[in-house]
């Protein structure tokens, strides 16, 4: 039975001017680092943890939560404006965000990203408040076999929808999975493909691969198009219509089912420890495109594409706290950092947390609500600034973006090896795009590579070479069947188009 005195006491602790100032500072800091390619909220949270020692536990955690939420909004800004995702979570947002900017609607695109991000985040927070123990328990019933089957199904859908060729999509995903094998074997901890570089024991740096595959090639492409004439990084009409600068209520309401789908998928995947928000964003995007009446409009500036990706990746952030608070299992790196901060302040996450620290937990829930509101307000003010930044000459914008990528990767990896890896993967991305292979599918494969390999190894150990034992895992069988169906369906789609 919920003790409402504890709930009210927790909310009273959260809604103070002192806490609100720290949450607001965290949100602004998160939006700033999220908007800088190469950095991100996780890096900011890791750096900020030592500075929270002198704060009380609720204020410290509220500040870190604000940084995380603000980073999700900030990461979409460069993804939409200059096709350079500020964080890996925003990679899918470039698919329709940047085409909208090219059409002269950057403010509409960024505002849709903000609204859908806040909507998905609020949905996952409501789930966290109300049914977190139930959702966490259901998620943990999915064993390695089910999670492996879910990843196979996700790869089959993403490979079929992101690119024009199912075969090339599968090859791109396989290359991403192969690159994820660099470093220590997740099962036996034996080094692989490190070539004498001890820095690679933990694998290829995620930030180096992500920026190298997605951001740097686009920057070089835009720089190569400069022919002595100074122009804005993005051109759009000065006589822009009012409706192209805002998102009307009708447009927002038209995306309600898209945002709901993204929020549900993101919340479910966020409640499963280890699954990435990028996977939720791409899966939602693929599902939205598949069910749309105008699938060909995606990738060309469809506002539903932005709503799908941003609602999904933002809803993961709240759902990741479900296994963390109820079972002490971090859902992702950000949740792991929050666990670290809790333990530093003498709070042990786990099943007894609601009983022993109920007032603190409901104070955290109050801080989450406050962070959502402040994220929306500060986002609306910040978007006006960023929409004007893109009017700067492209000869200034793109060299600056490249410099930020280099500095961010150097800081994140602690050396020039990470920068070299970024440029190597920029060249690989150039070759893949030249031959029609999807760099985005590659990045998703790389993101999930370690988890994919680990669950595969665990699944093989569980069935012990007996495929018939899969009958005891009906959910996995259904997911495998859906994966085969999607491969067949998307393989036939190009053939049908050619016949028409």
Protein backbone atom coordinates (compact mmCIF):
# COMPACT_ATOMS: atom_id res chain seq x y z
CA UNK A 1 0.00 0.00 0.00
CA UNK A 2 1.40 3.39 -1.01
CA UNK A 3 1.91 5.79 1.89
CA UNK A 4 0.75 9.11 0.45
CA UNK A 5 2.48 10.99 3.25
CA UNK A 6 5.80 9.73 1.85
CA UNK A 7 4.73 10.62 -1.70
CA UNK A 8 3.80 14.18 -0.71
CA UNK A 9 6.96 14.55 1.37
CA UNK A 10 9.07 13.42 -1.59
CA UNK A 11 7.40 15.86 -3.96
CA UNK A 12 7.80 18.64 -1.39
CA UNK A 13 11.53 17.88 -1.24
CA UNK A 14 11.79 18.02 -5.03
CA UNK A 15 9.83 21.19 -5.77
CA UNK A 16 12.13 23.70 -4.12
CA UNK A 17 13.84 26.68 -5.71
CA UNK A 18 17.24 25.18 -4.82
CA UNK A 19 16.52 21.90 -6.64
CA UNK A 20 14.86 23.67 -9.56
CA UNK A 21 18.00 25.76 -10.14
CA UNK A 22 20.18 22.65 -10.28
CA UNK A 23 17.74 20.85 -12.58
CA UNK A 24 17.58 23.88 -14.88
CA UNK A 25 21.36 24.12 -14.93
CA UNK A 26 21.58 20.40 -15.72
CA UNK A 27 19.04 20.70 -18.56
CA UNK A 28 20.86 23.67 -20.14
CA UNK A 29 24.22 21.92 -19.78
CA UNK A 30 22.76 18.75 -21.32
CA UNK A 31 21.32 20.63 -24.29
CA UNK A 32 24.65 22.36 -24.83
CA UNK A 33 26.82 19.23 -24.77
CA UNK A 34 24.21 17.31 -26.77
CA UNK A 35 24.35 19.94 -29.49
CA UNK A 36 28.15 19.69 -29.75
CA UNK A 37 29.13 16.77 -32.02
CA UNK A 38 31.54 14.43 -30.30
CA UNK A 39 30.38 15.17 -26.77
CA UNK A 40 27.18 14.05 -25.11
CA UNK A 41 25.21 13.88 -21.86
CA UNK A 42 26.98 10.71 -20.71
CA UNK A 43 30.36 12.44 -20.83
CA UNK A 44 28.94 15.48 -19.01
CA UNK A 45 27.36 13.24 -16.35
CA UNK A 46 30.62 11.34 -15.83
CA UNK A 47 32.55 14.61 -15.40
CA UNK A 48 29.86 16.12 -13.13
CA UNK A 49 29.59 13.23 -10.65
CA UNK A 50 32.63 14.28 -8.56
CA UNK A 51 31.19 17.79 -8.26
CA UNK A 52 27.96 16.40 -6.71
CA UNK A 53 29.71 15.05 -3.61
CA UNK A 54 28.83 18.12 -1.56
CA UNK A 55 25.15 18.11 -2.63
CA UNK A 56 22.39 16.19 -0.93
CA UNK A 57 21.39 12.94 -2.72
CA UNK A 58 18.14 14.27 -4.24
CA UNK A 59 19.75 17.44 -5.63
CA UNK A 60 22.70 15.48 -7.04
CA UNK A 61 20.50 12.91 -8.80
CA UNK A 62 18.07 15.60 -10.02
CA UNK A 63 20.99 17.50 -11.57
CA UNK A 64 22.29 14.38 -13.37
CA UNK A 65 18.78 13.55 -14.60
CA UNK A 66 18.49 17.09 -15.99
CA UNK A 67 21.78 16.68 -17.88
CA UNK A 68 20.57 13.38 -19.37
CA UNK A 69 17.20 14.75 -20.47
CA UNK A 70 18.65 17.94 -21.87
CA UNK A 71 21.20 15.96 -23.90
CA UNK A 72 18.44 14.04 -25.66
CA UNK A 73 16.93 17.30 -26.93
CA UNK A 74 20.29 18.87 -27.74
CA UNK A 75 21.50 15.88 -29.78
CA UNK A 76 18.73 16.38 -32.32
CA UNK A 77 19.70 19.99 -33.08
CA UNK A 78 22.86 19.41 -35.19
CA UNK A 79 21.30 16.23 -36.59
CA UNK A 80 18.51 18.32 -38.09
CA UNK A 81 20.44 21.49 -38.96
CA UNK A 82 23.68 20.14 -40.45
CA UNK A 83 23.06 16.37 -40.72
CA UNK A 84 25.54 15.72 -37.89
CA UNK A 85 24.00 13.90 -34.89
CA UNK A 86 25.18 15.42 -31.63
CA UNK A 87 24.67 12.08 -29.89
CA UNK A 88 24.34 8.52 -31.26
CA UNK A 89 20.68 8.57 -30.14
CA UNK A 90 19.93 11.25 -32.74
CA UNK A 91 21.38 9.34 -35.71
CA UNK A 92 17.93 8.25 -36.89
CA UNK A 93 16.64 11.83 -36.65
CA UNK A 94 18.89 12.87 -39.54
CA UNK A 95 16.87 10.71 -41.96
CA UNK A 96 13.97 13.17 -42.13
CA UNK A 97 15.22 16.06 -40.02
CA UNK A 98 17.94 17.25 -42.37
CA UNK A 99 15.76 16.99 -45.53
CA UNK A 100 13.24 19.26 -43.79
CA UNK A 101 16.02 21.78 -43.14
CA UNK A 102 17.01 21.61 -46.82
CA UNK A 103 13.41 22.47 -47.65
CA UNK A 104 13.76 25.64 -45.57
CA UNK A 105 11.90 24.38 -42.49
CA UNK A 106 14.58 24.05 -39.80
CA UNK A 107 12.48 25.63 -37.07
CA UNK A 108 9.54 23.32 -37.79
CA UNK A 109 11.84 20.29 -37.71
CA UNK A 110 13.59 21.23 -34.46
CA UNK A 111 10.32 22.12 -32.74
CA UNK A 112 8.78 18.80 -33.77
CA UNK A 113 11.86 17.05 -32.38
CA UNK A 114 11.47 18.96 -29.10
CA UNK A 115 7.74 18.29 -28.74
CA UNK A 116 7.98 14.60 -29.59
CA UNK A 117 11.03 14.18 -27.34
CA UNK A 118 9.19 15.70 -24.38
CA UNK A 119 6.10 13.62 -25.18
CA UNK A 120 8.01 10.33 -25.29
CA UNK A 121 9.99 11.25 -22.18
CA UNK A 122 6.83 12.14 -20.25
CA UNK A 123 5.17 8.87 -21.29
CA UNK A 124 8.07 6.76 -20.05
CA UNK A 125 8.19 8.75 -16.81
CA UNK A 126 4.49 8.03 -16.21
CA UNK A 127 5.18 4.34 -16.75
CA UNK A 128 8.13 4.60 -14.36
CA UNK A 129 5.93 6.22 -11.70
CA UNK A 130 3.02 3.80 -11.95
CA UNK A 131 3.99 0.34 -13.13
CA UNK A 132 7.78 0.19 -12.78
CA UNK A 133 7.89 -3.01 -10.65
CA UNK A 134 5.52 -4.85 -13.01
CA UNK A 135 7.29 -3.75 -16.20
CA UNK A 136 10.72 -4.57 -14.79
CA UNK A 137 9.61 -8.03 -13.75
CA UNK A 138 8.13 -8.72 -17.20
CA UNK A 139 11.26 -7.46 -18.95
CA UNK A 140 13.50 -9.69 -16.87
CA UNK A 141 11.51 -12.76 -17.95
CA UNK A 142 13.05 -12.28 -21.37
CA UNK A 143 16.13 -14.44 -21.23
CA UNK A 144 19.15 -14.41 -23.57
CA UNK A 145 17.33 -16.43 -26.25
CA UNK A 146 14.41 -14.00 -26.39
CA UNK A 147 16.69 -10.96 -26.43
CA UNK A 148 18.80 -12.50 -29.20
CA UNK A 149 15.65 -13.22 -31.23
CA UNK A 150 14.48 -9.63 -30.67
CA UNK A 151 17.79 -8.31 -32.01
CA UNK A 152 17.61 -10.57 -35.07
CA UNK A 153 14.10 -9.32 -35.78
CA UNK A 154 15.21 -5.69 -35.29
CA UNK A 155 18.12 -6.15 -37.70
CA UNK A 156 15.84 -7.73 -40.31
CA UNK A 157 13.41 -4.80 -40.19
CA UNK A 158 16.09 -2.09 -40.10
CA UNK A 159 18.13 -3.66 -42.92
CA UNK A 160 15.02 -3.91 -45.08
CA UNK A 161 13.66 -0.42 -44.57
CA UNK A 162 16.66 1.89 -44.18
CA UNK A 163 18.34 0.92 -47.46
CA UNK A 164 17.08 0.09 -50.93
CA UNK A 165 18.46 -3.45 -50.90
CA UNK A 166 17.80 -6.10 -48.27
CA UNK A 167 21.02 -7.92 -49.16
CA UNK A 168 23.14 -4.78 -48.82
CA UNK A 169 21.40 -3.98 -45.55
CA UNK A 170 22.29 -7.40 -44.14
CA UNK A 171 25.90 -6.99 -45.31
CA UNK A 172 26.08 -3.56 -43.64
CA UNK A 173 24.76 -4.97 -40.37
CA UNK A 174 27.20 -7.89 -40.57
CA UNK A 175 30.13 -5.48 -41.08
CA UNK A 176 29.00 -3.50 -38.04
CA UNK A 177 28.79 -6.68 -35.96
CA UNK A 178 32.25 -7.70 -37.15
CA UNK A 179 33.79 -4.36 -36.12
CA UNK A 180 32.16 -4.78 -32.70
CA UNK A 181 34.29 -7.89 -32.14
CA UNK A 182 37.42 -5.75 -31.73
CA UNK A 183 38.56 -5.88 -28.11
CA UNK A 184 37.97 -8.43 -25.39
CA UNK A 185 35.70 -11.40 -25.98
CA UNK A 186 32.63 -10.71 -23.78
CA UNK A 187 32.49 -14.35 -22.69
CA UNK A 188 36.14 -15.39 -22.24
CA UNK A 189 37.87 -11.97 -22.11
CA UNK A 190 40.43 -12.96 -24.74
CA UNK A 191 41.75 -10.05 -26.88
CA UNK A 192 40.82 -9.93 -30.57
CA UNK A 193 42.00 -7.69 -33.43
CA UNK A 194 43.77 -5.22 -31.13
CA UNK A 195 47.02 -5.22 -33.21
CA UNK A 196 49.15 -4.26 -30.22
CA UNK A 197 47.05 -1.23 -29.21
CA UNK A 198 46.12 -1.73 -25.56
CA UNK A 199 43.60 1.13 -25.96
CA UNK A 200 41.48 -1.26 -28.04
CA UNK A 201 41.01 -3.76 -25.19
CA UNK A 202 37.62 -2.17 -24.55
CA UNK A 203 36.78 -2.23 -28.24
CA UNK A 204 36.59 0.50 -30.86
CA UNK A 205 35.44 3.77 -29.25
CA UNK A 206 31.74 4.22 -29.86
CA UNK A 207 31.99 7.97 -30.34
CA UNK A 208 34.79 7.55 -32.91
CA UNK A 209 32.81 5.05 -34.97
CA UNK A 210 29.52 6.97 -34.75
CA UNK A 211 30.96 10.33 -35.76
CA UNK A 212 33.26 8.77 -38.34
CA UNK A 213 30.43 6.94 -40.07
CA UNK A 214 27.72 9.59 -39.82
CA UNK A 215 29.11 13.08 -39.22
CA UNK A 216 32.59 13.50 -40.72
CA UNK A 217 31.72 12.26 -44.26
CA UNK A 218 28.84 14.75 -44.42
CA UNK A 219 31.11 17.57 -43.23
CA UNK A 220 33.74 16.74 -45.87
CA UNK A 221 31.04 16.45 -48.53
CA UNK A 222 29.71 19.89 -47.71
CA UNK A 223 33.21 21.39 -47.57
CA UNK A 224 34.01 19.94 -50.98
CA UNK A 225 31.04 21.77 -52.46
CA UNK A 226 32.39 25.18 -51.44
CA UNK A 227 33.62 26.87 -54.64
CA UNK A 228 34.83 30.25 -53.43
CA UNK A 229 31.31 31.61 -52.96
CA UNK A 230 30.42 32.27 -49.31
CA UNK A 231 26.90 31.15 -48.48
CA UNK A 232 24.92 30.02 -45.47
CA UNK A 233 25.28 26.47 -44.23
CA UNK A 234 21.60 25.98 -45.03
CA UNK A 235 19.69 28.09 -47.50
CA UNK A 236 16.00 28.83 -47.01
CA UNK A 237 13.70 31.51 -48.21
CA UNK A 238 13.65 34.83 -46.39
CA UNK A 239 9.96 35.05 -47.17
CA UNK A 240 9.35 31.88 -45.21
CA UNK A 241 5.72 31.27 -44.41
CA UNK A 242 4.63 31.36 -40.78
CA UNK A 243 3.40 27.77 -40.90
CA UNK A 244 6.90 26.65 -41.96
CA UNK A 245 8.40 28.09 -38.78
CA UNK A 246 6.15 26.37 -36.27
CA UNK A 247 4.37 23.12 -35.53
CA UNK A 248 0.64 23.68 -35.38
CA UNK A 249 -1.59 21.79 -32.99
CA UNK A 250 -3.13 19.97 -35.97
CA UNK A 251 0.31 18.76 -37.09
CA UNK A 252 1.23 17.69 -33.57
CA UNK A 253 -2.08 15.89 -33.10
CA UNK A 254 -1.70 14.19 -36.49
CA UNK A 255 1.52 12.61 -35.16
CA UNK A 256 -0.11 11.35 -31.96
CA UNK A 257 -0.16 7.69 -32.98
CA UNK A 258 3.41 7.93 -34.28
CA UNK A 259 4.62 9.38 -30.97
CA UNK A 260 2.59 6.86 -29.00
CA UNK A 261 4.13 4.01 -31.00
CA UNK A 262 7.61 5.42 -30.41
CA UNK A 263 6.95 5.92 -26.71
CA UNK A 264 5.65 2.37 -26.26
CA UNK A 265 8.52 0.76 -28.20
CA UNK A 266 11.09 2.93 -26.42
CA UNK A 267 9.62 2.18 -23.00
CA UNK A 268 9.56 -1.57 -23.59
CA UNK A 269 13.10 -1.65 -24.96
CA UNK A 270 14.32 0.72 -22.25
CA UNK A 271 12.99 -1.59 -19.55
CA UNK A 272 15.20 -4.39 -20.93
CA UNK A 273 18.75 -3.82 -19.63
CA UNK A 274 21.36 -3.48 -22.36
CA UNK A 275 19.19 -2.43 -25.30
CA UNK A 276 20.17 0.88 -26.83
CA UNK A 277 17.97 3.92 -27.48
CA UNK A 278 19.32 4.06 -31.04
CA UNK A 279 17.82 0.65 -31.70
CA UNK A 280 14.46 1.84 -30.36
CA UNK A 281 14.61 4.92 -32.61
CA UNK A 282 15.41 2.95 -35.77
CA UNK A 283 12.87 0.23 -34.99
CA UNK A 284 10.15 2.85 -34.47
CA UNK A 285 11.18 4.65 -37.64
CA UNK A 286 11.07 1.41 -39.62
CA UNK A 287 7.68 0.46 -38.19
CA UNK A 288 6.26 3.93 -38.87
CA UNK A 289 7.51 3.86 -42.45
CA UNK A 290 6.13 0.38 -43.01
CA UNK A 291 2.65 1.26 -41.72
CA UNK A 292 2.48 4.68 -43.39
CA UNK A 293 0.19 5.34 -46.34
CA UNK A 294 3.07 7.27 -47.96
CA UNK A 295 6.24 5.25 -47.21
CA UNK A 296 8.13 6.86 -50.09
CA UNK A 297 7.92 10.25 -48.38
CA UNK A 298 10.16 9.06 -45.54
CA UNK A 299 13.74 10.16 -45.91
CA UNK A 300 12.57 13.23 -47.81
CA UNK A 301 11.40 15.39 -44.93
CA UNK A 302 8.38 13.63 -43.40
CA UNK A 303 7.58 15.12 -40.01
CA UNK A 304 6.35 11.73 -38.82
CA UNK A 305 9.90 10.43 -39.16
CA UNK A 306 11.14 12.98 -36.64
CA UNK A 307 8.24 12.28 -34.29
CA UNK A 308 8.94 8.55 -34.43
CA UNK A 309 12.66 8.69 -33.70
CA UNK A 310 12.65 11.41 -31.05
CA UNK A 311 9.71 9.99 -29.08
CA UNK A 312 11.38 6.56 -29.08
CA UNK A 313 14.91 7.51 -28.04
CA UNK A 314 13.65 9.89 -25.33
CA UNK A 315 11.24 7.35 -23.85
CA UNK A 316 14.15 4.96 -23.33
CA UNK A 317 15.75 7.35 -20.84
CA UNK A 318 12.89 7.12 -18.34
CA UNK A 319 12.33 3.41 -18.86
CA UNK A 320 16.02 2.69 -18.22
CA UNK A 321 15.45 3.74 -14.62
CA UNK A 322 12.87 0.98 -14.12
CA UNK A 323 15.30 -1.96 -13.70
CA UNK A 324 17.76 0.38 -11.98
CA UNK A 325 15.42 1.47 -9.19
CA UNK A 326 13.55 -1.79 -8.68
CA UNK A 327 16.33 -4.35 -9.20
CA UNK A 328 19.58 -2.40 -9.08
CA UNK A 329 20.39 -3.25 -12.71
CA UNK A 330 21.37 -0.27 -14.89
CA UNK A 331 19.57 -0.20 -18.21
CA UNK A 332 22.28 1.82 -19.98
CA UNK A 333 25.42 3.87 -19.34
CA UNK A 334 23.48 6.90 -18.07
CA UNK A 335 21.59 4.72 -15.58
CA UNK A 336 24.89 3.17 -14.50
CA UNK A 337 26.26 6.64 -13.76
CA UNK A 338 23.16 7.48 -11.73
CA UNK A 339 23.63 4.25 -9.76
CA UNK A 340 27.22 5.32 -9.11
CA UNK A 341 26.03 8.68 -7.80
CA UNK A 342 23.40 7.00 -5.59
CA UNK A 343 25.94 4.63 -4.09
CA UNK A 344 28.38 7.49 -3.48
CA UNK A 345 25.64 9.14 -1.42
CA UNK A 346 25.00 5.94 0.52
CA UNK A 347 21.85 4.82 -1.32
CA UNK A 348 21.75 1.20 -2.53
CA UNK A 349 19.38 0.66 -5.53
CA UNK A 350 17.39 -2.55 -5.45
CA UNK A 351 14.09 -4.15 -4.39
CA UNK A 352 14.24 -2.59 -0.88
CA UNK A 353 14.78 0.93 -2.18
CA UNK A 354 11.08 1.86 -2.28
CA UNK A 355 10.63 0.68 1.31
CA UNK A 356 13.80 2.16 2.82
CA UNK A 357 14.19 5.32 0.72
CA UNK A 358 10.62 5.96 -0.43
CA UNK A 359 10.78 9.70 0.18
CA UNK A 360 13.95 9.99 -1.91
CA UNK A 361 12.45 7.96 -4.77
CA UNK A 362 9.27 10.04 -4.95
CA UNK A 363 11.44 13.14 -4.73
CA UNK A 364 13.30 11.79 -7.78
CA UNK A 365 9.96 11.30 -9.55
CA UNK A 366 9.12 14.92 -8.81
CA UNK A 367 12.50 16.00 -10.18
CA UNK A 368 11.81 14.03 -13.38
CA UNK A 369 8.54 15.90 -13.87
CA UNK A 370 10.24 19.23 -13.22
CA UNK A 371 13.04 18.37 -15.65
CA UNK A 372 10.51 17.67 -18.43
CA UNK A 373 8.85 21.07 -18.02
CA UNK A 374 12.17 22.93 -17.83
CA UNK A 375 13.46 20.95 -20.82
CA UNK A 376 10.49 22.14 -22.87
CA UNK A 377 10.81 25.79 -21.82
CA UNK A 378 14.57 26.03 -22.22
CA UNK A 379 14.33 24.09 -25.47
CA UNK A 380 11.90 26.59 -26.98
CA UNK A 381 14.26 29.44 -26.12
CA UNK A 382 17.38 27.58 -27.26
CA UNK A 383 15.91 26.56 -30.62
CA UNK A 384 15.60 30.20 -31.65
CA UNK A 385 19.31 30.64 -31.12
CA UNK A 386 20.28 27.48 -33.02
CA UNK A 387 17.96 28.26 -35.94
CA UNK A 388 19.91 31.49 -36.42
CA UNK A 389 23.31 29.90 -36.04
CA UNK A 390 22.79 28.01 -39.30
CA UNK A 391 22.62 31.32 -41.13
CA UNK A 392 26.38 31.60 -40.55
CA UNK A 393 28.60 30.93 -43.58
CA UNK A 394 29.15 27.26 -44.29
CA UNK A 395 32.89 27.98 -44.48
CA UNK A 396 32.62 28.68 -40.75
CA UNK A 397 29.97 26.16 -39.68
CA UNK A 398 31.46 22.97 -41.08
CA UNK A 399 35.13 23.52 -40.15
CA UNK A 400 33.89 24.36 -36.65
CA UNK A 401 31.80 21.18 -36.58
CA UNK A 402 34.83 19.15 -37.70
CA UNK A 403 36.95 20.76 -34.99
CA UNK A 404 34.31 19.93 -32.38
CA UNK A 405 34.25 16.32 -33.58
CA UNK A 406 38.03 16.07 -33.23
CA UNK A 407 38.09 17.72 -29.80
CA UNK A 408 35.11 15.71 -28.57
CA UNK A 409 36.58 12.39 -29.69
CA UNK A 410 39.99 13.29 -28.24
CA UNK A 411 38.40 14.08 -24.86
CA UNK A 412 36.16 11.02 -24.91
CA UNK A 413 38.89 8.55 -25.87
CA UNK A 414 41.82 10.20 -24.14
CA UNK A 415 44.18 10.24 -27.11
CA UNK A 416 44.74 10.67 -30.81
CA UNK A 417 44.05 6.99 -31.55
CA UNK A 418 40.33 7.70 -31.22
CA UNK A 419 40.66 10.60 -33.68
CA UNK A 420 42.53 8.35 -36.16
CA UNK A 421 39.80 5.70 -35.84
CA UNK A 422 37.17 8.36 -36.54
CA UNK A 423 38.84 9.33 -39.83
CA UNK A 424 39.34 5.67 -40.80
CA UNK A 425 35.63 5.03 -40.40
CA UNK A 426 34.85 8.24 -42.28
CA UNK A 427 36.68 6.73 -45.24
CA UNK A 428 34.84 3.43 -44.77
CA UNK A 429 31.54 5.32 -44.69
CA UNK A 430 32.47 7.09 -47.94
CA UNK A 431 33.14 3.76 -49.66
CA UNK A 432 29.94 2.20 -48.32
CA UNK A 433 27.80 5.10 -49.48
CA UNK A 434 29.51 5.07 -52.88
CA UNK A 435 28.52 1.43 -53.40
CA UNK A 436 25.03 1.73 -51.93
CA UNK A 437 25.62 0.18 -48.50
CA UNK A 438 23.92 1.83 -45.53
CA UNK A 439 26.24 3.45 -43.00
CA UNK A 440 23.32 3.79 -40.59
CA UNK A 441 22.65 0.03 -40.55
CA UNK A 442 26.39 -0.47 -40.00
CA UNK A 443 26.32 1.82 -36.95
CA UNK A 444 23.29 0.04 -35.47
CA UNK A 445 25.05 -3.29 -35.93
CA UNK A 446 28.11 -1.89 -34.19
CA UNK A 447 26.05 -0.41 -31.34
CA UNK A 448 24.42 -3.75 -30.58
CA UNK A 449 27.39 -5.94 -31.50
CA UNK A 450 28.67 -6.79 -28.03
CA UNK A 451 25.19 -7.47 -26.67
CA UNK A 452 24.34 -9.50 -29.79
CA UNK A 453 27.45 -11.67 -29.44
CA UNK A 454 26.94 -12.22 -25.72
CA UNK A 455 23.29 -13.24 -26.04
CA UNK A 456 24.18 -15.53 -28.97
CA UNK A 457 26.83 -17.27 -26.90
CA UNK A 458 24.48 -17.58 -23.93
CA UNK A 459 21.69 -18.91 -26.14
CA UNK A 460 23.94 -21.58 -27.65
CA UNK A 461 24.99 -22.66 -24.16
CA UNK A 462 21.38 -22.83 -23.00
CA UNK A 463 20.16 -25.03 -25.85
CA UNK A 464 23.44 -27.04 -25.80
CA UNK A 465 23.30 -27.82 -29.51
CA UNK A 466 19.67 -28.98 -29.40
CA UNK A 467 17.49 -26.68 -31.56
CA UNK A 468 14.42 -28.61 -30.42
CA UNK A 469 14.77 -26.95 -27.01
CA UNK A 470 13.57 -23.73 -28.63
CA UNK A 471 10.01 -25.02 -28.29
CA UNK A 472 10.27 -24.01 -24.64
CA UNK A 473 10.83 -20.42 -25.77
CA UNK A 474 7.68 -19.53 -27.76
CA UNK A 475 8.36 -15.78 -27.71
CA UNK A 476 11.75 -16.36 -29.34
CA UNK A 477 10.18 -18.63 -31.98
CA UNK A 478 7.62 -15.94 -32.83
CA UNK A 479 10.37 -13.32 -33.16
CA UNK A 480 12.49 -15.61 -35.37
CA UNK A 481 9.44 -16.27 -37.57
CA UNK A 482 8.80 -12.53 -37.86
CA UNK A 483 12.46 -11.99 -38.81
CA UNK A 484 12.24 -14.58 -41.61
CA UNK A 485 8.97 -13.05 -42.79
CA UNK A 486 10.43 -9.54 -42.87
CA UNK A 487 13.50 -10.72 -44.83
CA UNK A 488 11.22 -12.40 -47.37
CA UNK A 489 8.87 -9.40 -47.55
CA UNK A 490 11.56 -6.75 -47.98
CA UNK A 491 13.44 -8.89 -50.49
CA UNK A 492 10.35 -9.02 -52.68
CA UNK A 493 9.58 -5.28 -52.36
CA UNK A 494 12.23 -4.01 -54.86
CA UNK A 495 11.15 -6.68 -57.36
CA UNK A 496 7.52 -5.57 -57.13
CA UNK A 497 8.54 -1.94 -57.67
CA UNK A 498 10.48 -2.79 -60.80
CA UNK A 499 7.49 -4.69 -62.22
CA UNK A 500 5.16 -1.70 -61.69
